[in-house]
Amino acid sequence: MKDFIAVADYSAQEVQELLDLAVRLKKEFKAGGNPPLLQGKVMAMIFQKPSLRTRVSFDMAMRHLGGDALYLSPNEIGLGKRESIADVARVMEGYVDIIMARVFEHAHVVELGKWASVPVINGLSDYNHPCQAMADALTIYEKFGNLKGLNLTFVGDGNNVAVSLMHIGVLLGANFTLASPEGYDMNPQALEAGQKMAAKSGSKITLLRDAHEAVKGAHVIYTDTWTSMGQEEEAKIREKVFPPYQVNAGLVAEATKDVIVMHCLPAHRNHELTDEVADGPHSAIFPQAHNRLHAQKAVIARLMKVA
């Protein structure tokens, strides 16, 4: 593994090994702290889009492993605008040991990986969100002990978070269902990749319009904001389209008794997710957020070849 750009780039064995490493590193941290595996190493964190969880979790992941992190704001680089991505990559490789980039266009992080000799991590792109997927899988794994045979249901926009959940789910043997309104379907390229993985693992992918039908038998109900960053002009339209896809107590009651509800955050409470559910007994949203830290430590350690 040179870079971590998309879940679909890796085998089930590689992803499972990452999960196992995340479990081990989390246990080590809880037992007193991780060893300084990355002492003297520095991560550059390139942000085109701001984020609470991505910035803090990556920064703290490097600190836990004995390294350091350098935050670079959108105004400092102007990735692909003020300077070519190829030039940025070749400059940065002489300064730092690993790069994390949170970008708008997936092609930007792919190009960073192409030109940089140091590892590159996708902290989010318009295509997928692989680090979130690792945290999601870790959270599900901790609850159920496995992903194989579980039913994962994503309710809402077939966006980048849905793509990564589908990919990591079917790769590890879970079934994936998407309930989305017409016009908000999943990227066809991502869906095709998921179907190929599902064919290998024996998983099933189901696409529905009805959220109530989608959550029947679900072990996991996952949702995300109706309007993501960069879609603000569509907000009024989306507010009219998505209310039938709200994850509320009534919808959760139609799933399995031990269902967990997940959200990548930030949540627009009482829109896609009600307070009653977000703060209720089925909610896993805060353990899920905390697992970003431990899952990303595993990704960093593996790319840096120290674990």
C-alpha atoms as a PDB file:
ATOM      1  CA  MET A   1       0.000   0.000   0.000  1.00  0.00           C
ATOM      2  CA  LYS A   2       1.679   3.203  -1.200  1.00  0.00           C
ATOM      3  CA  ASP A   3      -1.355   5.510  -0.934  1.00  0.00           C
ATOM      4  CA  PHE A   4      -4.854   5.338   0.573  1.00  0.00           C
ATOM      5  CA  ILE A   5      -7.108   6.910  -2.057  1.00  0.00           C
ATOM      6  CA  ALA A   6     -10.136   4.589  -2.310  1.00  0.00           C
ATOM      7  CA  VAL A   7     -11.339   1.455  -0.529  1.00  0.00           C
ATOM      8  CA  ALA A   8     -11.921  -0.215  -3.894  1.00  0.00           C
ATOM      9  CA  ASP A   9      -8.167  -0.170  -4.536  1.00  0.00           C
ATOM     10  CA  TYR A  10      -7.550  -2.872  -1.925  1.00  0.00           C
ATOM     11  CA  SER A  11      -8.373  -6.498  -1.275  1.00  0.00           C
ATOM     12  CA  ALA A  12     -10.620  -7.755   1.510  1.00  0.00           C
ATOM     13  CA  GLN A  13      -7.537  -9.166   3.242  1.00  0.00           C
ATOM     14  CA  GLU A  14      -5.726  -5.809   3.154  1.00  0.00           C
ATOM     15  CA  VAL A  15      -8.739  -3.955   4.548  1.00  0.00           C
ATOM     16  CA  GLN A  16      -9.295  -6.586   7.250  1.00  0.00           C
ATOM     17  CA  GLU A  17      -5.636  -6.312   8.249  1.00  0.00           C
ATOM     18  CA  LEU A  18      -6.079  -2.546   8.551  1.00  0.00           C
ATOM     19  CA  LEU A  19      -9.123  -3.081  10.759  1.00  0.00           C
ATOM     20  CA  ASP A  20      -7.236  -5.546  12.946  1.00  0.00           C
ATOM     21  CA  LEU A  21      -4.401  -3.025  13.266  1.00  0.00           C
ATOM     22  CA  ALA A  22      -6.875  -0.293  14.221  1.00  0.00           C
ATOM     23  CA  VAL A  23      -8.309  -2.543  16.953  1.00  0.00           C
ATOM     24  CA  ARG A  24      -4.803  -3.214  18.290  1.00  0.00           C
ATOM     25  CA  LEU A  25      -3.745   0.430  18.233  1.00  0.00           C
ATOM     26  CA  LYS A  26      -6.969   1.468  19.970  1.00  0.00           C
ATOM     27  CA  LYS A  27      -6.440  -1.121  22.712  1.00  0.00           C
ATOM     28  CA  GLU A  28      -2.841   0.056  23.146  1.00  0.00           C
ATOM     29  CA  PHE A  29      -3.960   3.659  23.438  1.00  0.00           C
ATOM     30  CA  LYS A  30      -6.676   2.826  25.969  1.00  0.00           C
ATOM     31  CA  ALA A  31      -4.167   0.790  27.987  1.00  0.00           C
ATOM     32  CA  GLY A  32      -1.770   3.687  28.367  1.00  0.00           C
ATOM     33  CA  GLY A  33      -0.719   4.969  24.974  1.00  0.00           C
ATOM     34  CA  ASN A  34       0.744   3.984  21.633  1.00  0.00           C
ATOM     35  CA  PRO A  35       4.503   3.564  21.138  1.00  0.00           C
ATOM     36  CA  PRO A  36       6.186   6.447  19.227  1.00  0.00           C
ATOM     37  CA  LEU A  37       6.273   4.595  15.923  1.00  0.00           C
ATOM     38  CA  LEU A  38       6.459   7.848  13.939  1.00  0.00           C
ATOM     39  CA  GLN A  39       8.914   9.808  16.057  1.00  0.00           C
ATOM     40  CA  GLY A  40      10.454  12.567  13.934  1.00  0.00           C
ATOM     41  CA  LYS A  41       7.899  12.117  11.125  1.00  0.00           C
ATOM     42  CA  VAL A  42       5.586  14.888   9.875  1.00  0.00           C
ATOM     43  CA  MET A  43       2.265  14.781   8.031  1.00  0.00           C
ATOM     44  CA  ALA A  44       1.161  17.650   5.804  1.00  0.00           C
ATOM     45  CA  MET A  45      -2.607  18.165   5.991  1.00  0.00           C
ATOM     46  CA  ILE A  46      -3.877  19.921   2.843  1.00  0.00           C
ATOM     47  CA  PHE A  47      -7.428  21.275   3.182  1.00  0.00           C
ATOM     48  CA  GLN A  48      -9.610  22.575   0.372  1.00  0.00           C
ATOM     49  CA  LYS A  49     -12.667  21.899   2.576  1.00  0.00           C
ATOM     50  CA  PRO A  50     -12.695  22.553   6.347  1.00  0.00           C
ATOM     51  CA  SER A  51     -13.515  19.797   8.845  1.00  0.00           C
ATOM     52  CA  LEU A  52     -13.560  19.372  12.610  1.00  0.00           C
ATOM     53  CA  ARG A  53     -13.124  15.587  12.663  1.00  0.00           C
ATOM     54  CA  THR A  54     -10.630  15.272   9.814  1.00  0.00           C
ATOM     55  CA  ARG A  55      -8.278  17.931  11.118  1.00  0.00           C
ATOM     56  CA  VAL A  56      -8.324  16.961  14.785  1.00  0.00           C
ATOM     57  CA  SER A  57      -8.306  13.186  14.269  1.00  0.00           C
ATOM     58  CA  PHE A  58      -5.352  13.226  11.857  1.00  0.00           C
ATOM     59  CA  ASP A  59      -3.415  15.709  14.000  1.00  0.00           C
ATOM     60  CA  MET A  60      -3.978  13.625  17.135  1.00  0.00           C
ATOM     61  CA  ALA A  61      -3.254  10.372  15.300  1.00  0.00           C
ATOM     62  CA  MET A  62       0.211  11.662  14.440  1.00  0.00           C
ATOM     63  CA  ARG A  63       0.747  12.861  18.025  1.00  0.00           C
ATOM     64  CA  HIS A  64      -0.320   9.517  19.467  1.00  0.00           C
ATOM     65  CA  LEU A  65       2.241   7.785  17.256  1.00  0.00           C
ATOM     66  CA  GLY A  66       5.008  10.230  18.187  1.00  0.00           C
ATOM     67  CA  GLY A  67       4.910  12.351  15.043  1.00  0.00           C
ATOM     68  CA  ASP A  68       3.658  15.804  14.137  1.00  0.00           C
ATOM     69  CA  ALA A  69       1.152  17.336  11.707  1.00  0.00           C
ATOM     70  CA  LEU A  70       1.228  20.546   9.680  1.00  0.00           C
ATOM     71  CA  TYR A  71      -2.088  22.197   8.735  1.00  0.00           C
ATOM     72  CA  LEU A  72      -2.265  23.914   5.350  1.00  0.00           C
ATOM     73  CA  SER A  73      -5.394  25.991   4.709  1.00  0.00           C
ATOM     74  CA  PRO A  74      -7.047  26.467   1.287  1.00  0.00           C
ATOM     75  CA  ASN A  75      -5.539  29.952   0.978  1.00  0.00           C
ATOM     76  CA  GLU A  76      -1.989  28.748   1.563  1.00  0.00           C
ATOM     77  CA  ILE A  77      -1.783  26.400  -1.407  1.00  0.00           C
ATOM     78  CA  GLY A  78      -4.611  26.939  -3.895  1.00  0.00           C
ATOM     79  CA  LEU A  79      -4.207  23.364  -5.055  1.00  0.00           C
ATOM     80  CA  GLY A  80      -4.379  23.206  -8.847  1.00  0.00           C
ATOM     81  CA  LYS A  81      -4.990  26.965  -9.116  1.00  0.00           C
ATOM     82  CA  ARG A  82      -2.050  29.005  -7.844  1.00  0.00           C
ATOM     83  CA  GLU A  83       0.292  26.092  -8.470  1.00  0.00           C
ATOM     84  CA  SER A  84      -0.032  22.818 -10.343  1.00  0.00           C
ATOM     85  CA  ILE A  85      -0.806  19.699  -8.310  1.00  0.00           C
ATOM     86  CA  ALA A  86       2.271  17.977  -9.754  1.00  0.00           C
ATOM     87  CA  ASP A  87       4.496  20.807  -8.524  1.00  0.00           C
ATOM     88  CA  VAL A  88       2.845  20.869  -5.082  1.00  0.00           C
ATOM     89  CA  ALA A  89       3.389  17.110  -4.742  1.00  0.00           C
ATOM     90  CA  ARG A  90       7.054  17.278  -5.696  1.00  0.00           C
ATOM     91  CA  VAL A  91       7.731  20.220  -3.397  1.00  0.00           C
ATOM     92  CA  MET A  92       5.939  18.664  -0.420  1.00  0.00           C
ATOM     93  CA  GLU A  93       7.737  15.314  -0.724  1.00  0.00           C
ATOM     94  CA  GLY A  94      10.966  17.128   0.127  1.00  0.00           C
ATOM     95  CA  TYR A  95       9.494  18.601   3.319  1.00  0.00           C
ATOM     96  CA  VAL A  96       7.236  15.966   4.872  1.00  0.00           C
ATOM     97  CA  ASP A  97       6.912  12.199   5.227  1.00  0.00           C
ATOM     98  CA  ILE A  98       3.222  11.735   4.385  1.00  0.00           C
ATOM     99  CA  ILE A  99       0.401  13.878   2.942  1.00  0.00           C
ATOM    100  CA  MET A 100      -3.311  13.940   3.743  1.00  0.00           C
ATOM    101  CA  ALA A 101      -5.543  15.929   1.383  1.00  0.00           C
ATOM    102  CA  ARG A 102      -9.206  16.851   1.829  1.00  0.00           C
ATOM    103  CA  VAL A 103     -10.351  18.019  -1.592  1.00  0.00           C
ATOM    104  CA  PHE A 104     -13.371  18.822  -3.718  1.00  0.00           C
ATOM    105  CA  GLU A 105     -12.370  16.895  -6.855  1.00  0.00           C
ATOM    106  CA  HIS A 106     -11.259  13.275  -6.578  1.00  0.00           C
ATOM    107  CA  ALA A 107      -8.863  13.787  -9.499  1.00  0.00           C
ATOM    108  CA  HIS A 108      -6.839  16.186  -7.333  1.00  0.00           C
ATOM    109  CA  VAL A 109      -5.974  13.623  -4.666  1.00  0.00           C
ATOM    110  CA  VAL A 110      -5.328  10.987  -7.338  1.00  0.00           C
ATOM    111  CA  GLU A 111      -2.853  13.335  -9.015  1.00  0.00           C
ATOM    112  CA  LEU A 112      -1.166  14.090  -5.697  1.00  0.00           C
ATOM    113  CA  GLY A 113      -0.641  10.361  -5.244  1.00  0.00           C
ATOM    114  CA  LYS A 114       0.698  10.029  -8.772  1.00  0.00           C
ATOM    115  CA  TRP A 115       3.382  12.698  -8.374  1.00  0.00           C
ATOM    116  CA  ALA A 116       4.342  12.458  -4.674  1.00  0.00           C
ATOM    117  CA  SER A 117       6.927   9.870  -3.701  1.00  0.00           C
ATOM    118  CA  VAL A 118       5.620   9.929  -0.108  1.00  0.00           C
ATOM    119  CA  PRO A 119       2.276   8.288   0.834  1.00  0.00           C
ATOM    120  CA  VAL A 120      -0.921  10.245   0.121  1.00  0.00           C
ATOM    121  CA  ILE A 121      -4.184   9.770   2.055  1.00  0.00           C
ATOM    122  CA  ASN A 122      -7.591  10.830   0.759  1.00  0.00           C
ATOM    123  CA  GLY A 123      -9.206  12.770   3.613  1.00  0.00           C
ATOM    124  CA  LEU A 124     -12.357  13.197   1.479  1.00  0.00           C
ATOM    125  CA  SER A 125     -13.165  13.787  -2.171  1.00  0.00           C
ATOM    126  CA  ASP A 126     -16.351  14.171  -4.179  1.00  0.00           C
ATOM    127  CA  TYR A 127     -16.078  10.497  -5.181  1.00  0.00           C
ATOM    128  CA  ASN A 128     -15.542   8.794  -1.833  1.00  0.00           C
ATOM    129  CA  HIS A 129     -14.441   9.093   1.801  1.00  0.00           C
ATOM    130  CA  PRO A 130     -12.234   6.064   2.558  1.00  0.00           C
ATOM    131  CA  CYS A 131     -11.042   7.188   5.994  1.00  0.00           C
ATOM    132  CA  GLN A 132     -14.639   7.601   7.113  1.00  0.00           C
ATOM    133  CA  ALA A 133     -15.337   4.110   5.773  1.00  0.00           C
ATOM    134  CA  MET A 134     -12.527   2.668   7.889  1.00  0.00           C
ATOM    135  CA  ALA A 135     -13.973   4.314  11.009  1.00  0.00           C
ATOM    136  CA  ASP A 136     -17.434   3.059  10.061  1.00  0.00           C
ATOM    137  CA  ALA A 137     -16.212  -0.511   9.588  1.00  0.00           C
ATOM    138  CA  LEU A 138     -14.335  -0.372  12.908  1.00  0.00           C
ATOM    139  CA  THR A 139     -17.502   0.818  14.684  1.00  0.00           C
ATOM    140  CA  ILE A 140     -19.621  -1.937  13.132  1.00  0.00           C
ATOM    141  CA  TYR A 141     -16.928  -4.525  13.871  1.00  0.00           C
ATOM    142  CA  GLU A 142     -16.824  -3.500  17.540  1.00  0.00           C
ATOM    143  CA  LYS A 143     -20.613  -3.838  17.818  1.00  0.00           C
ATOM    144  CA  PHE A 144     -21.193  -7.077  15.908  1.00  0.00           C
ATOM    145  CA  GLY A 145     -17.770  -8.789  15.826  1.00  0.00           C
ATOM    146  CA  ASN A 146     -17.872  -9.084  12.046  1.00  0.00           C
ATOM    147  CA  LEU A 147     -19.332  -7.465   8.957  1.00  0.00           C
ATOM    148  CA  LYS A 148     -20.028 -10.627   7.005  1.00  0.00           C
ATOM    149  CA  GLY A 149     -23.752 -11.235   6.571  1.00  0.00           C
ATOM    150  CA  LEU A 150     -24.832  -7.946   8.125  1.00  0.00           C
ATOM    151  CA  ASN A 151     -27.326  -5.661   6.398  1.00  0.00           C
ATOM    152  CA  LEU A 152     -26.129  -2.065   5.997  1.00  0.00           C
ATOM    153  CA  THR A 153     -28.729   0.478   4.892  1.00  0.00           C
ATOM    154  CA  PHE A 154     -27.870   4.005   3.788  1.00  0.00           C
ATOM    155  CA  VAL A 155     -30.834   6.399   3.747  1.00  0.00           C
ATOM    156  CA  GLY A 156     -30.589   9.610   1.734  1.00  0.00           C
ATOM    157  CA  ASP A 157     -28.290  10.976  -0.960  1.00  0.00           C
ATOM    158  CA  GLY A 158     -26.128   8.383  -2.745  1.00  0.00           C
ATOM    159  CA  ASN A 159     -23.075  10.525  -2.047  1.00  0.00           C
ATOM    160  CA  ASN A 160     -19.357   9.962  -1.416  1.00  0.00           C
ATOM    161  CA  VAL A 161     -19.966   8.631   2.112  1.00  0.00           C
ATOM    162  CA  ALA A 162     -22.535   6.151   0.790  1.00  0.00           C
ATOM    163  CA  VAL A 163     -20.030   5.026  -1.847  1.00  0.00           C
ATOM    164  CA  SER A 164     -17.328   4.260   0.711  1.00  0.00           C
ATOM    165  CA  LEU A 165     -19.755   2.499   3.061  1.00  0.00           C
ATOM    166  CA  MET A 166     -20.953   0.333   0.172  1.00  0.00           C
ATOM    167  CA  HIS A 167     -17.427  -0.503  -0.957  1.00  0.00           C
ATOM    168  CA  ILE A 168     -16.055  -1.446   2.448  1.00  0.00           C
ATOM    169  CA  GLY A 169     -19.267  -3.261   3.381  1.00  0.00           C
ATOM    170  CA  VAL A 170     -19.504  -5.539   0.359  1.00  0.00           C
ATOM    171  CA  LEU A 171     -15.732  -6.058   0.329  1.00  0.00           C
ATOM    172  CA  LEU A 172     -16.014  -7.526   3.840  1.00  0.00           C
ATOM    173  CA  GLY A 173     -19.150  -9.553   3.101  1.00  0.00           C
ATOM    174  CA  ALA A 174     -21.992  -7.287   4.231  1.00  0.00           C
ATOM    175  CA  ASN A 175     -25.122  -6.593   2.191  1.00  0.00           C
ATOM    176  CA  PHE A 176     -25.712  -2.974   1.226  1.00  0.00           C
ATOM    177  CA  THR A 177     -29.015  -1.200   0.569  1.00  0.00           C
ATOM    178  CA  LEU A 178     -29.389   2.382  -0.603  1.00  0.00           C
ATOM    179  CA  ALA A 179     -32.703   4.214  -0.245  1.00  0.00           C
ATOM    180  CA  SER A 180     -32.471   7.462  -2.184  1.00  0.00           C
ATOM    181  CA  PRO A 181     -34.911   9.796  -3.962  1.00  0.00           C
ATOM    182  CA  GLU A 182     -34.970   9.894  -7.736  1.00  0.00           C
ATOM    183  CA  GLY A 183     -32.220  12.100  -9.074  1.00  0.00           C
ATOM    184  CA  TYR A 184     -29.941  11.475  -6.093  1.00  0.00           C
ATOM    185  CA  ASP A 185     -28.644   8.056  -7.038  1.00  0.00           C
ATOM    186  CA  MET A 186     -25.127   6.768  -6.595  1.00  0.00           C
ATOM    187  CA  ASN A 187     -22.316   7.465  -9.027  1.00  0.00           C
ATOM    188  CA  PRO A 188     -22.618   4.719 -11.716  1.00  0.00           C
ATOM    189  CA  GLN A 189     -18.856   4.113 -11.725  1.00  0.00           C
ATOM    190  CA  ALA A 190     -18.852   3.604  -7.951  1.00  0.00           C
ATOM    191  CA  LEU A 191     -21.875   1.322  -8.180  1.00  0.00           C
ATOM    192  CA  GLU A 192     -20.219  -0.803 -10.851  1.00  0.00           C
ATOM    193  CA  ALA A 193     -17.096  -1.167  -8.694  1.00  0.00           C
ATOM    194  CA  GLY A 194     -19.279  -2.170  -5.738  1.00  0.00           C
ATOM    195  CA  GLN A 195     -21.135  -4.782  -7.770  1.00  0.00           C
ATOM    196  CA  LYS A 196     -17.855  -6.367  -8.836  1.00  0.00           C
ATOM    197  CA  MET A 197     -16.712  -6.591  -5.216  1.00  0.00           C
ATOM    198  CA  ALA A 198     -20.088  -7.942  -4.132  1.00  0.00           C
ATOM    199  CA  ALA A 199     -19.902 -10.668  -6.772  1.00  0.00           C
ATOM    200  CA  LYS A 200     -16.592 -11.836  -5.269  1.00  0.00           C
ATOM    201  CA  SER A 201     -17.706 -11.721  -1.637  1.00  0.00           C
ATOM    202  CA  GLY A 202     -21.230 -13.073  -2.154  1.00  0.00           C
ATOM    203  CA  SER A 203     -22.809  -9.852  -0.892  1.00  0.00           C
ATOM    204  CA  LYS A 204     -25.907  -8.195  -2.281  1.00  0.00           C
ATOM    205  CA  ILE A 205     -26.479  -4.575  -3.311  1.00  0.00           C
ATOM    206  CA  THR A 206     -30.067  -3.296  -3.376  1.00  0.00           C
ATOM    207  CA  LEU A 207     -31.268   0.088  -4.631  1.00  0.00           C
ATOM    208  CA  LEU A 208     -34.648   1.335  -3.426  1.00  0.00           C
ATOM    209  CA  ARG A 209     -36.735   4.492  -3.227  1.00  0.00           C
ATOM    210  CA  ASP A 210     -38.693   3.606  -0.069  1.00  0.00           C
ATOM    211  CA  ALA A 211     -36.758   4.164   3.177  1.00  0.00           C
ATOM    212  CA  HIS A 212     -39.177   2.018   5.177  1.00  0.00           C
ATOM    213  CA  GLU A 213     -38.657  -0.959   2.884  1.00  0.00           C
ATOM    214  CA  ALA A 214     -34.900  -0.393   2.961  1.00  0.00           C
ATOM    215  CA  VAL A 215     -34.502  -0.616   6.754  1.00  0.00           C
ATOM    216  CA  LYS A 216     -36.338  -3.914   7.180  1.00  0.00           C
ATOM    217  CA  GLY A 217     -33.805  -6.372   8.574  1.00  0.00           C
ATOM    218  CA  ALA A 218     -31.105  -3.681   8.813  1.00  0.00           C
ATOM    219  CA  HIS A 219     -28.325  -4.037  11.390  1.00  0.00           C
ATOM    220  CA  VAL A 220     -27.004  -0.581  10.515  1.00  0.00           C
ATOM    221  CA  ILE A 221     -28.938   2.507   9.426  1.00  0.00           C
ATOM    222  CA  TYR A 222     -26.655   5.218   8.098  1.00  0.00           C
ATOM    223  CA  THR A 223     -27.538   8.739   7.013  1.00  0.00           C
ATOM    224  CA  ASP A 224     -25.773  11.962   6.096  1.00  0.00           C
ATOM    225  CA  THR A 225     -26.653  15.610   5.665  1.00  0.00           C
ATOM    226  CA  TRP A 226     -29.099  16.351   2.855  1.00  0.00           C
ATOM    227  CA  THR A 227     -26.922  19.199   1.557  1.00  0.00           C
ATOM    228  CA  SER A 228     -23.166  18.659   1.556  1.00  0.00           C
ATOM    229  CA  MET A 229     -20.469  21.319   1.399  1.00  0.00           C
ATOM    230  CA  GLY A 230     -20.404  22.795  -2.093  1.00  0.00           C
ATOM    231  CA  GLN A 231     -24.121  22.114  -2.687  1.00  0.00           C
ATOM    232  CA  GLU A 232     -25.484  25.160  -0.855  1.00  0.00           C
ATOM    233  CA  GLU A 233     -27.295  26.473  -3.953  1.00  0.00           C
ATOM    234  CA  GLU A 234     -29.372  23.262  -3.996  1.00  0.00           C
ATOM    235  CA  ALA A 235     -30.364  23.472  -0.322  1.00  0.00           C
ATOM    236  CA  LYS A 236     -33.937  24.741  -0.849  1.00  0.00           C
ATOM    237  CA  ILE A 237     -34.683  22.056  -3.433  1.00  0.00           C
ATOM    238  CA  ARG A 238     -33.187  19.319  -1.275  1.00  0.00           C
ATOM    239  CA  GLU A 239     -35.197  20.454   1.763  1.00  0.00           C
ATOM    240  CA  LYS A 240     -38.343  19.601  -0.197  1.00  0.00           C
ATOM    241  CA  VAL A 241     -37.099  16.268  -1.572  1.00  0.00           C
ATOM    242  CA  PHE A 242     -35.527  14.539   1.436  1.00  0.00           C
ATOM    243  CA  PRO A 243     -38.030  14.687   4.384  1.00  0.00           C
ATOM    244  CA  PRO A 244     -39.353  11.150   3.593  1.00  0.00           C
ATOM    245  CA  TYR A 245     -35.782   9.940   4.217  1.00  0.00           C
ATOM    246  CA  GLN A 246     -35.457  11.344   7.724  1.00  0.00           C
ATOM    247  CA  VAL A 247     -34.080   8.807  10.218  1.00  0.00           C
ATOM    248  CA  ASN A 248     -36.515   9.067  13.115  1.00  0.00           C
ATOM    249  CA  ALA A 249     -37.742   6.746  15.871  1.00  0.00           C
ATOM    250  CA  GLY A 250     -40.472   5.317  13.656  1.00  0.00           C
ATOM    251  CA  LEU A 251     -38.014   4.333  10.950  1.00  0.00           C
ATOM    252  CA  VAL A 252     -35.516   2.859  13.411  1.00  0.00           C
ATOM    253  CA  ALA A 253     -38.278   0.735  14.971  1.00  0.00           C
ATOM    254  CA  GLU A 254     -38.714  -1.051  11.627  1.00  0.00           C
ATOM    255  CA  ALA A 255     -35.129  -2.397  11.662  1.00  0.00           C
ATOM    256  CA  THR A 256     -33.612  -5.168  13.806  1.00  0.00           C
ATOM    257  CA  LYS A 257     -33.775  -4.815  17.586  1.00  0.00           C
ATOM    258  CA  ASP A 258     -30.007  -4.348  17.912  1.00  0.00           C
ATOM    259  CA  VAL A 259     -29.690  -1.903  14.998  1.00  0.00           C
ATOM    260  CA  ILE A 260     -27.146   0.892  15.301  1.00  0.00           C
ATOM    261  CA  VAL A 261     -27.644   4.312  13.720  1.00  0.00           C
ATOM    262  CA  MET A 262     -24.640   6.022  12.162  1.00  0.00           C
ATOM    263  CA  HIS A 263     -23.897   9.476  10.766  1.00  0.00           C
ATOM    264  CA  CYS A 264     -20.514  10.798   9.599  1.00  0.00           C
ATOM    265  CA  LEU A 265     -21.261  14.265  11.077  1.00  0.00           C
ATOM    266  CA  PRO A 266     -21.757  17.179  11.096  1.00  0.00           C
ATOM    267  CA  ALA A 267     -25.457  16.462  11.529  1.00  0.00           C
ATOM    268  CA  HIS A 268     -28.282  18.872  10.820  1.00  0.00           C
ATOM    269  CA  ARG A 269     -30.409  17.681  13.700  1.00  0.00           C
ATOM    270  CA  ASN A 270     -34.123  17.185  13.134  1.00  0.00           C
ATOM    271  CA  HIS A 271     -33.529  17.230   9.406  1.00  0.00           C
ATOM    272  CA  GLU A 272     -31.869  13.973   8.274  1.00  0.00           C
ATOM    273  CA  LEU A 273     -31.676  12.699  11.858  1.00  0.00           C
ATOM    274  CA  THR A 274     -33.893  13.521  14.839  1.00  0.00           C
ATOM    275  CA  ASP A 275     -32.543  14.386  18.269  1.00  0.00           C
ATOM    276  CA  GLU A 276     -34.433  11.393  19.671  1.00  0.00           C
ATOM    277  CA  VAL A 277     -32.409   9.031  17.479  1.00  0.00           C
ATOM    278  CA  ALA A 278     -29.071  10.888  17.585  1.00  0.00           C
ATOM    279  CA  ASP A 279     -29.065  10.822  21.395  1.00  0.00           C
ATOM    280  CA  GLY A 280     -30.972   7.550  21.768  1.00  0.00           C
ATOM    281  CA  PRO A 281     -29.957   3.986  22.660  1.00  0.00           C
ATOM    282  CA  HIS A 282     -29.325   2.921  19.063  1.00  0.00           C
ATOM    283  CA  SER A 283     -27.003   5.808  18.239  1.00  0.00           C
ATOM    284  CA  ALA A 284     -23.359   5.042  17.453  1.00  0.00           C
ATOM    285  CA  ILE A 285     -22.506   8.463  16.032  1.00  0.00           C
ATOM    286  CA  PHE A 286     -20.031   9.541  18.713  1.00  0.00           C
ATOM    287  CA  PRO A 287     -18.113   6.228  19.025  1.00  0.00           C
ATOM    288  CA  GLN A 288     -18.046   6.344  15.224  1.00  0.00           C
ATOM    289  CA  ALA A 289     -16.543   9.853  15.273  1.00  0.00           C
ATOM    290  CA  HIS A 290     -13.963   8.811  17.864  1.00  0.00           C
ATOM    291  CA  ASN A 291     -12.996   5.814  15.737  1.00  0.00           C
ATOM    292  CA  ARG A 292     -11.800   8.160  12.990  1.00  0.00           C
ATOM    293  CA  LEU A 293      -8.727   8.650  15.189  1.00  0.00           C
ATOM    294  CA  HIS A 294      -7.899   4.970  15.619  1.00  0.00           C
ATOM    295  CA  ALA A 295      -8.750   3.856  12.083  1.00  0.00           C
ATOM    296  CA  GLN A 296      -6.569   6.608  10.652  1.00  0.00           C
ATOM    297  CA  LYS A 297      -3.698   5.664  12.936  1.00  0.00           C
ATOM    298  CA  ALA A 298      -3.820   2.217  11.347  1.00  0.00           C
ATOM    299  CA  VAL A 299      -3.817   3.681   7.823  1.00  0.00           C
ATOM    300  CA  ILE A 300      -0.897   6.000   8.611  1.00  0.00           C
ATOM    301  CA  ALA A 301       1.139   3.296  10.354  1.00  0.00           C
ATOM    302  CA  ARG A 302       0.635   0.847   7.488  1.00  0.00           C
ATOM    303  CA  LEU A 303       1.528   3.392   4.778  1.00  0.00           C
ATOM    304  CA  MET A 304       4.619   4.417   6.760  1.00  0.00           C
ATOM    305  CA  LYS A 305       5.512   0.706   7.147  1.00  0.00           C
ATOM    306  CA  VAL A 306       5.917   0.889  10.913  1.00  0.00           C
ATOM    307  CA  ALA A 307       3.120  -1.579  11.799  1.00  0.00           C
END
